[in-house]
Amino acid sequence: LEHLKSKGQADQAVACAMHFLARYPGEDAFYEVLMDLDKAKARKFMDQMRIYDPYEERPLIWIAESQRREGELELAQKSIEQAI
């Protein structure tokens, strides 16, 4: 993914990261890369993953991380509580 990004193919890197996450929803490294590539698309994708599999906690944890990075600490706390 970093190779695609370095070659100016960030859109393809985002698509690959989303594909990997759909197949391996518990892999934190893919969430991190996706958030670094495109925060808005990452958030939308994680919301969709949450709907698809409400029992997988990793998307919700990363949603909370996104909220924390944006300074939305109360929302992040609520998201973490949901994940627990």
PDB file of N, CA and C in Angstrom:
ATOM      1  N   LEU A   1       0.818  -1.193   0.000  1.00  0.00           N
ATOM      2  CA  LEU A   1       0.000   0.000   0.000  1.00  0.00           C
ATOM      3  C   LEU A   1       0.860   1.254   0.000  1.00  0.00           C
ATOM      4  N   GLU A   2       1.925   1.216   0.771  1.00  0.00           N
ATOM      5  CA  GLU A   2       2.827   2.371   0.793  1.00  0.00           C
ATOM      6  C   GLU A   2       3.472   2.575  -0.578  1.00  0.00           C
ATOM      7  N   HIS A   3       3.728   1.481  -1.268  1.00  0.00           N
ATOM      8  CA  HIS A   3       4.312   1.575  -2.609  1.00  0.00           C
ATOM      9  C   HIS A   3       3.348   2.306  -3.551  1.00  0.00           C
ATOM     10  N   LEU A   4       2.069   1.940  -3.511  1.00  0.00           N
ATOM     11  CA  LEU A   4       1.087   2.621  -4.356  1.00  0.00           C
ATOM     12  C   LEU A   4       1.003   4.098  -4.005  1.00  0.00           C
ATOM     13  N   LYS A   5       1.000   4.380  -2.736  1.00  0.00           N
ATOM     14  CA  LYS A   5       0.929   5.775  -2.284  1.00  0.00           C
ATOM     15  C   LYS A   5       2.142   6.565  -2.777  1.00  0.00           C
ATOM     16  N   SER A   6       3.324   5.966  -2.668  1.00  0.00           N
ATOM     17  CA  SER A   6       4.544   6.664  -3.094  1.00  0.00           C
ATOM     18  C   SER A   6       4.587   6.879  -4.601  1.00  0.00           C
ATOM     19  N   LYS A   7       3.856   6.065  -5.345  1.00  0.00           N
ATOM     20  CA  LYS A   7       3.809   6.203  -6.803  1.00  0.00           C
ATOM     21  C   LYS A   7       2.685   7.140  -7.256  1.00  0.00           C
ATOM     22  N   GLY A   8       2.016   7.796  -6.294  1.00  0.00           N
ATOM     23  CA  GLY A   8       0.944   8.718  -6.643  1.00  0.00           C
ATOM     24  C   GLY A   8      -0.372   8.026  -6.939  1.00  0.00           C
ATOM     25  N   GLN A   9      -0.517   6.806  -6.485  1.00  0.00           N
ATOM     26  CA  GLN A   9      -1.732   6.038  -6.736  1.00  0.00           C
ATOM     27  C   GLN A   9      -2.488   5.822  -5.421  1.00  0.00           C
ATOM     28  N   ALA A  10      -2.751   6.930  -4.748  1.00  0.00           N
ATOM     29  CA  ALA A  10      -3.397   6.869  -3.436  1.00  0.00           C
ATOM     30  C   ALA A  10      -4.795   6.259  -3.523  1.00  0.00           C
ATOM     31  N   ASP A  11      -5.525   6.550  -4.590  1.00  0.00           N
ATOM     32  CA  ASP A  11      -6.871   5.980  -4.735  1.00  0.00           C
ATOM     33  C   ASP A  11      -6.820   4.454  -4.801  1.00  0.00           C
ATOM     34  N   GLN A  12      -5.840   3.921  -5.514  1.00  0.00           N
ATOM     35  CA  GLN A  12      -5.692   2.466  -5.582  1.00  0.00           C
ATOM     36  C   GLN A  12      -5.270   1.899  -4.232  1.00  0.00           C
ATOM     37  N   ALA A  13      -4.433   2.630  -3.512  1.00  0.00           N
ATOM     38  CA  ALA A  13      -4.014   2.186  -2.187  1.00  0.00           C
ATOM     39  C   ALA A  13      -5.206   2.143  -1.237  1.00  0.00           C
ATOM     40  N   VAL A  14      -6.074   3.142  -1.322  1.00  0.00           N
ATOM     41  CA  VAL A  14      -7.284   3.171  -0.491  1.00  0.00           C
ATOM     42  C   VAL A  14      -8.170   1.973  -0.830  1.00  0.00           C
ATOM     43  N   ALA A  15      -8.364   1.727  -2.118  1.00  0.00           N
ATOM     44  CA  ALA A  15      -9.197   0.593  -2.543  1.00  0.00           C
ATOM     45  C   ALA A  15      -8.618  -0.729  -2.042  1.00  0.00           C
ATOM     46  N   CYS A  16      -7.313  -0.887  -2.123  1.00  0.00           N
ATOM     47  CA  CYS A  16      -6.672  -2.112  -1.639  1.00  0.00           C
ATOM     48  C   CYS A  16      -6.832  -2.256  -0.127  1.00  0.00           C
ATOM     49  N   ALA A  17      -6.651  -1.159   0.601  1.00  0.00           N
ATOM     50  CA  ALA A  17      -6.799  -1.206   2.060  1.00  0.00           C
ATOM     51  C   ALA A  17      -8.221  -1.605   2.440  1.00  0.00           C
ATOM     52  N   MET A  18      -9.210  -1.065   1.743  1.00  0.00           N
ATOM     53  CA  MET A  18     -10.597  -1.422   2.029  1.00  0.00           C
ATOM     54  C   MET A  18     -10.857  -2.894   1.711  1.00  0.00           C
ATOM     55  N   HIS A  19     -10.278  -3.376   0.626  1.00  0.00           N
ATOM     56  CA  HIS A  19     -10.415  -4.794   0.270  1.00  0.00           C
ATOM     57  C   HIS A  19      -9.812  -5.678   1.361  1.00  0.00           C
ATOM     58  N   PHE A  20      -8.600  -5.333   1.795  1.00  0.00           N
ATOM     59  CA  PHE A  20      -7.943  -6.121   2.838  1.00  0.00           C
ATOM     60  C   PHE A  20      -8.763  -6.113   4.126  1.00  0.00           C
ATOM     61  N   LEU A  21      -9.314  -4.955   4.484  1.00  0.00           N
ATOM     62  CA  LEU A  21     -10.120  -4.873   5.704  1.00  0.00           C
ATOM     63  C   LEU A  21     -11.402  -5.680   5.593  1.00  0.00           C
ATOM     64  N   ALA A  22     -11.995  -5.697   4.420  1.00  0.00           N
ATOM     65  CA  ALA A  22     -13.207  -6.498   4.236  1.00  0.00           C
ATOM     66  C   ALA A  22     -12.901  -7.980   4.441  1.00  0.00           C
ATOM     67  N   ARG A  23     -11.717  -8.402   4.033  1.00  0.00           N
ATOM     68  CA  ARG A  23     -11.332  -9.810   4.185  1.00  0.00           C
ATOM     69  C   ARG A  23     -10.787 -10.119   5.575  1.00  0.00           C
ATOM     70  N   TYR A  24     -10.073  -9.150   6.155  1.00  0.00           N
ATOM     71  CA  TYR A  24      -9.419  -9.348   7.450  1.00  0.00           C
ATOM     72  C   TYR A  24      -9.777  -8.194   8.385  1.00  0.00           C
ATOM     73  N   PRO A  25     -11.006  -8.163   8.905  1.00  0.00           N
ATOM     74  CA  PRO A  25     -11.471  -7.009   9.679  1.00  0.00           C
ATOM     75  C   PRO A  25     -10.777  -6.821  11.030  1.00  0.00           C
ATOM     76  N   GLY A  26      -9.971  -7.751  11.439  1.00  0.00           N
ATOM     77  CA  GLY A  26      -9.287  -7.618  12.717  1.00  0.00           C
ATOM     78  C   GLY A  26      -7.860  -7.124  12.611  1.00  0.00           C
ATOM     79  N   GLU A  27      -7.411  -6.765  11.429  1.00  0.00           N
ATOM     80  CA  GLU A  27      -6.020  -6.356  11.212  1.00  0.00           C
ATOM     81  C   GLU A  27      -5.862  -4.842  11.394  1.00  0.00           C
ATOM     82  N   ASP A  28      -5.316  -4.447  12.525  1.00  0.00           N
ATOM     83  CA  ASP A  28      -5.176  -3.027  12.840  1.00  0.00           C
ATOM     84  C   ASP A  28      -4.289  -2.264  11.853  1.00  0.00           C
ATOM     85  N   ALA A  29      -3.294  -2.918  11.306  1.00  0.00           N
ATOM     86  CA  ALA A  29      -2.383  -2.227  10.376  1.00  0.00           C
ATOM     87  C   ALA A  29      -3.132  -1.677   9.171  1.00  0.00           C
ATOM     88  N   PHE A  30      -4.135  -2.390   8.681  1.00  0.00           N
ATOM     89  CA  PHE A  30      -4.892  -1.922   7.529  1.00  0.00           C
ATOM     90  C   PHE A  30      -5.755  -0.710   7.892  1.00  0.00           C
ATOM     91  N   TYR A  31      -6.291  -0.702   9.113  1.00  0.00           N
ATOM     92  CA  TYR A  31      -7.060   0.470   9.562  1.00  0.00           C
ATOM     93  C   TYR A  31      -6.156   1.702   9.615  1.00  0.00           C
ATOM     94  N   GLU A  32      -4.975   1.509  10.168  1.00  0.00           N
ATOM     95  CA  GLU A  32      -4.036   2.619  10.315  1.00  0.00           C
ATOM     96  C   GLU A  32      -3.665   3.202   8.953  1.00  0.00           C
ATOM     97  N   VAL A  33      -3.330   2.326   8.013  1.00  0.00           N
ATOM     98  CA  VAL A  33      -2.962   2.792   6.671  1.00  0.00           C
ATOM     99  C   VAL A  33      -4.140   3.501   6.010  1.00  0.00           C
ATOM    100  N   LEU A  34      -5.319   2.927   6.114  1.00  0.00           N
ATOM    101  CA  LEU A  34      -6.497   3.536   5.497  1.00  0.00           C
ATOM    102  C   LEU A  34      -6.754   4.912   6.089  1.00  0.00           C
ATOM    103  N   MET A  35      -6.636   5.053   7.403  1.00  0.00           N
ATOM    104  CA  MET A  35      -6.856   6.357   8.025  1.00  0.00           C
ATOM    105  C   MET A  35      -5.804   7.360   7.586  1.00  0.00           C
ATOM    106  N   ASP A  36      -4.576   6.915   7.398  1.00  0.00           N
ATOM    107  CA  ASP A  36      -3.521   7.814   6.941  1.00  0.00           C
ATOM    108  C   ASP A  36      -3.727   8.238   5.489  1.00  0.00           C
ATOM    109  N   LEU A  37      -4.286   7.349   4.674  1.00  0.00           N
ATOM    110  CA  LEU A  37      -4.485   7.648   3.258  1.00  0.00           C
ATOM    111  C   LEU A  37      -5.651   8.606   3.024  1.00  0.00           C
ATOM    112  N   ASP A  38      -6.781   8.323   3.648  1.00  0.00           N
ATOM    113  CA  ASP A  38      -7.979   9.144   3.413  1.00  0.00           C
ATOM    114  C   ASP A  38      -8.927   8.987   4.600  1.00  0.00           C
ATOM    115  N   LYS A  39      -8.864   9.941   5.514  1.00  0.00           N
ATOM    116  CA  LYS A  39      -9.625   9.855   6.761  1.00  0.00           C
ATOM    117  C   LYS A  39     -11.130   9.780   6.514  1.00  0.00           C
ATOM    118  N   ALA A  40     -11.634  10.558   5.557  1.00  0.00           N
ATOM    119  CA  ALA A  40     -13.081  10.582   5.286  1.00  0.00           C
ATOM    120  C   ALA A  40     -13.565   9.237   4.734  1.00  0.00           C
ATOM    121  N   LYS A  41     -12.836   8.695   3.770  1.00  0.00           N
ATOM    122  CA  LYS A  41     -13.219   7.390   3.214  1.00  0.00           C
ATOM    123  C   LYS A  41     -13.070   6.288   4.257  1.00  0.00           C
ATOM    124  N   ALA A  42     -12.047   6.397   5.077  1.00  0.00           N
ATOM    125  CA  ALA A  42     -11.835   5.404   6.124  1.00  0.00           C
ATOM    126  C   ALA A  42     -13.014   5.393   7.076  1.00  0.00           C
ATOM    127  N   ARG A  43     -13.439   6.573   7.484  1.00  0.00           N
ATOM    128  CA  ARG A  43     -14.548   6.656   8.438  1.00  0.00           C
ATOM    129  C   ARG A  43     -15.836   6.089   7.843  1.00  0.00           C
ATOM    130  N   LYS A  44     -16.121   6.445   6.592  1.00  0.00           N
ATOM    131  CA  LYS A  44     -17.320   5.942   5.936  1.00  0.00           C
ATOM    132  C   LYS A  44     -17.260   4.416   5.807  1.00  0.00           C
ATOM    133  N   PHE A  45     -16.101   3.903   5.435  1.00  0.00           N
ATOM    134  CA  PHE A  45     -15.935   2.466   5.280  1.00  0.00           C
ATOM    135  C   PHE A  45     -16.102   1.743   6.609  1.00  0.00           C
ATOM    136  N   MET A  46     -15.539   2.313   7.671  1.00  0.00           N
ATOM    137  CA  MET A  46     -15.669   1.684   8.985  1.00  0.00           C
ATOM    138  C   MET A  46     -17.126   1.696   9.451  1.00  0.00           C
ATOM    139  N   ASP A  47     -17.839   2.762   9.151  1.00  0.00           N
ATOM    140  CA  ASP A  47     -19.267   2.802   9.476  1.00  0.00           C
ATOM    141  C   ASP A  47     -20.018   1.693   8.740  1.00  0.00           C
ATOM    142  N   GLN A  48     -19.664   1.478   7.477  1.00  0.00           N
ATOM    143  CA  GLN A  48     -20.299   0.421   6.698  1.00  0.00           C
ATOM    144  C   GLN A  48     -19.941  -0.962   7.233  1.00  0.00           C
ATOM    145  N   MET A  49     -18.691  -1.140   7.635  1.00  0.00           N
ATOM    146  CA  MET A  49     -18.274  -2.425   8.203  1.00  0.00           C
ATOM    147  C   MET A  49     -19.022  -2.696   9.502  1.00  0.00           C
ATOM    148  N   ARG A  50     -19.256  -1.650  10.249  1.00  0.00           N
ATOM    149  CA  ARG A  50     -19.979  -1.778  11.526  1.00  0.00           C
ATOM    150  C   ARG A  50     -21.402  -2.259  11.279  1.00  0.00           C
ATOM    151  N   ILE A  51     -22.026  -1.747  10.234  1.00  0.00           N
ATOM    152  CA  ILE A  51     -23.380  -2.166   9.876  1.00  0.00           C
ATOM    153  C   ILE A  51     -23.359  -3.618   9.395  1.00  0.00           C
ATOM    154  N   TYR A  52     -22.369  -3.953   8.579  1.00  0.00           N
ATOM    155  CA  TYR A  52     -22.275  -5.297   8.006  1.00  0.00           C
ATOM    156  C   TYR A  52     -22.085  -6.357   9.090  1.00  0.00           C
ATOM    157  N   ASP A  53     -21.192  -6.062  10.055  1.00  0.00           N
ATOM    158  CA  ASP A  53     -20.928  -7.025  11.120  1.00  0.00           C
ATOM    159  C   ASP A  53     -20.876  -6.303  12.464  1.00  0.00           C
ATOM    160  N   PRO A  54     -22.017  -6.134  13.100  1.00  0.00           N
ATOM    161  CA  PRO A  54     -22.051  -5.371  14.353  1.00  0.00           C
ATOM    162  C   PRO A  54     -21.316  -6.056  15.512  1.00  0.00           C
ATOM    163  N   TYR A  55     -20.927  -7.309  15.340  1.00  0.00           N
ATOM    164  CA  TYR A  55     -20.219  -8.023  16.401  1.00  0.00           C
ATOM    165  C   TYR A  55     -18.701  -7.919  16.285  1.00  0.00           C
ATOM    166  N   GLU A  56     -18.220  -7.353  15.202  1.00  0.00           N
ATOM    167  CA  GLU A  56     -16.774  -7.130  15.049  1.00  0.00           C
ATOM    168  C   GLU A  56     -16.456  -5.778  15.684  1.00  0.00           C
ATOM    169  N   GLU A  57     -15.631  -5.799  16.729  1.00  0.00           N
ATOM    170  CA  GLU A  57     -15.377  -4.572  17.484  1.00  0.00           C
ATOM    171  C   GLU A  57     -14.301  -3.680  16.879  1.00  0.00           C
ATOM    172  N   ARG A  58     -13.445  -4.196  16.030  1.00  0.00           N
ATOM    173  CA  ARG A  58     -12.319  -3.402  15.513  1.00  0.00           C
ATOM    174  C   ARG A  58     -12.776  -2.147  14.759  1.00  0.00           C
ATOM    175  N   PRO A  59     -13.769  -2.202  13.888  1.00  0.00           N
ATOM    176  CA  PRO A  59     -14.175  -0.951  13.229  1.00  0.00           C
ATOM    177  C   PRO A  59     -14.609   0.112  14.233  1.00  0.00           C
ATOM    178  N   LEU A  60     -15.314  -0.294  15.266  1.00  0.00           N
ATOM    179  CA  LEU A  60     -15.782   0.660  16.269  1.00  0.00           C
ATOM    180  C   LEU A  60     -14.611   1.234  17.068  1.00  0.00           C
ATOM    181  N   ILE A  61     -13.634   0.421  17.352  1.00  0.00           N
ATOM    182  CA  ILE A  61     -12.439   0.909  18.049  1.00  0.00           C
ATOM    183  C   ILE A  61     -11.719   1.939  17.192  1.00  0.00           C
ATOM    184  N   TRP A  62     -11.625   1.682  15.889  1.00  0.00           N
ATOM    185  CA  TRP A  62     -10.945   2.630  15.018  1.00  0.00           C
ATOM    186  C   TRP A  62     -11.789   3.871  14.750  1.00  0.00           C
ATOM    187  N   ILE A  63     -13.093   3.745  14.800  1.00  0.00           N
ATOM    188  CA  ILE A  63     -13.958   4.922  14.729  1.00  0.00           C
ATOM    189  C   ILE A  63     -13.659   5.796  15.944  1.00  0.00           C
ATOM    190  N   ALA A  64     -13.541   5.176  17.107  1.00  0.00           N
ATOM    191  CA  ALA A  64     -13.209   5.924  18.319  1.00  0.00           C
ATOM    192  C   ALA A  64     -11.851   6.597  18.193  1.00  0.00           C
ATOM    193  N   GLU A  65     -10.893   5.914  17.605  1.00  0.00           N
ATOM    194  CA  GLU A  65      -9.567   6.513  17.400  1.00  0.00           C
ATOM    195  C   GLU A  65      -9.654   7.716  16.472  1.00  0.00           C
ATOM    196  N   SER A  66     -10.441   7.593  15.431  1.00  0.00           N
ATOM    197  CA  SER A  66     -10.646   8.716  14.513  1.00  0.00           C
ATOM    198  C   SER A  66     -11.276   9.902  15.253  1.00  0.00           C
ATOM    199  N   GLN A  67     -12.263   9.614  16.077  1.00  0.00           N
ATOM    200  CA  GLN A  67     -12.912  10.669  16.851  1.00  0.00           C
ATOM    201  C   GLN A  67     -11.926  11.300  17.835  1.00  0.00           C
ATOM    202  N   ARG A  68     -11.108  10.485  18.454  1.00  0.00           N
ATOM    203  CA  ARG A  68     -10.096  11.005  19.386  1.00  0.00           C
ATOM    204  C   ARG A  68      -9.116  11.921  18.676  1.00  0.00           C
ATOM    205  N   ARG A  69      -8.663  11.516  17.501  1.00  0.00           N
ATOM    206  CA  ARG A  69      -7.723  12.339  16.733  1.00  0.00           C
ATOM    207  C   ARG A  69      -8.328  13.677  16.332  1.00  0.00           C
ATOM    208  N   GLU A  70      -9.637  13.686  16.161  1.00  0.00           N
ATOM    209  CA  GLU A  70     -10.329  14.923  15.786  1.00  0.00           C
ATOM    210  C   GLU A  70     -10.752  15.738  17.008  1.00  0.00           C
ATOM    211  N   GLY A  71     -10.409  15.268  18.200  1.00  0.00           N
ATOM    212  CA  GLY A  71     -10.720  15.999  19.409  1.00  0.00           C
ATOM    213  C   GLY A  71     -12.133  15.787  19.922  1.00  0.00           C
ATOM    214  N   GLU A  72     -12.836  14.815  19.361  1.00  0.00           N
ATOM    215  CA  GLU A  72     -14.207  14.510  19.780  1.00  0.00           C
ATOM    216  C   GLU A  72     -14.155  13.445  20.874  1.00  0.00           C
ATOM    217  N   LEU A  73     -13.682  13.856  22.038  1.00  0.00           N
ATOM    218  CA  LEU A  73     -13.405  12.894  23.099  1.00  0.00           C
ATOM    219  C   LEU A  73     -14.654  12.245  23.677  1.00  0.00           C
ATOM    220  N   GLU A  74     -15.739  12.983  23.793  1.00  0.00           N
ATOM    221  CA  GLU A  74     -16.966  12.392  24.314  1.00  0.00           C
ATOM    222  C   GLU A  74     -17.518  11.336  23.361  1.00  0.00           C
ATOM    223  N   LEU A  75     -17.484  11.628  22.061  1.00  0.00           N
ATOM    224  CA  LEU A  75     -17.930  10.636  21.073  1.00  0.00           C
ATOM    225  C   LEU A  75     -17.021   9.410  21.081  1.00  0.00           C
ATOM    226  N   ALA A  76     -15.724   9.655  21.202  1.00  0.00           N
ATOM    227  CA  ALA A  76     -14.770   8.544  21.242  1.00  0.00           C
ATOM    228  C   ALA A  76     -15.044   7.651  22.453  1.00  0.00           C
ATOM    229  N   GLN A  77     -15.326   8.263  23.597  1.00  0.00           N
ATOM    230  CA  GLN A  77     -15.632   7.492  24.793  1.00  0.00           C
ATOM    231  C   GLN A  77     -16.876   6.634  24.586  1.00  0.00           C
ATOM    232  N   LYS A  78     -17.912   7.202  23.970  1.00  0.00           N
ATOM    233  CA  LYS A  78     -19.143   6.452  23.708  1.00  0.00           C
ATOM    234  C   LYS A  78     -18.887   5.290  22.749  1.00  0.00           C
ATOM    235  N   SER A  79     -18.060   5.534  21.740  1.00  0.00           N
ATOM    236  CA  SER A  79     -17.741   4.479  20.780  1.00  0.00           C
ATOM    237  C   SER A  79     -16.992   3.333  21.453  1.00  0.00           C
ATOM    238  N   ILE A  80     -16.050   3.677  22.331  1.00  0.00           N
ATOM    239  CA  ILE A  80     -15.307   2.641  23.048  1.00  0.00           C
ATOM    240  C   ILE A  80     -16.237   1.849  23.957  1.00  0.00           C
ATOM    241  N   GLU A  81     -17.146   2.541  24.617  1.00  0.00           N
ATOM    242  CA  GLU A  81     -18.107   1.847  25.486  1.00  0.00           C
ATOM    243  C   GLU A  81     -18.964   0.883  24.681  1.00  0.00           C
ATOM    244  N   GLN A  82     -19.339   1.272  23.461  1.00  0.00           N
ATOM    245  CA  GLN A  82     -20.102   0.366  22.598  1.00  0.00           C
ATOM    246  C   GLN A  82     -19.275  -0.854  22.235  1.00  0.00           C
ATOM    247  N   ALA A  83     -18.012  -0.642  21.978  1.00  0.00           N
ATOM    248  CA  ALA A  83     -17.136  -1.757  21.593  1.00  0.00           C
ATOM    249  C   ALA A  83     -16.982  -2.760  22.737  1.00  0.00           C
ATOM    250  N   ILE A  84     -17.003  -2.245  23.937  1.00  0.00           N
ATOM    251  CA  ILE A  84     -16.854  -3.121  25.106  1.00  0.00           C
ATOM    252  C   ILE A  84     -18.134  -3.882  25.287  1.00  0.00           C
TER     253      ILE A  84
END
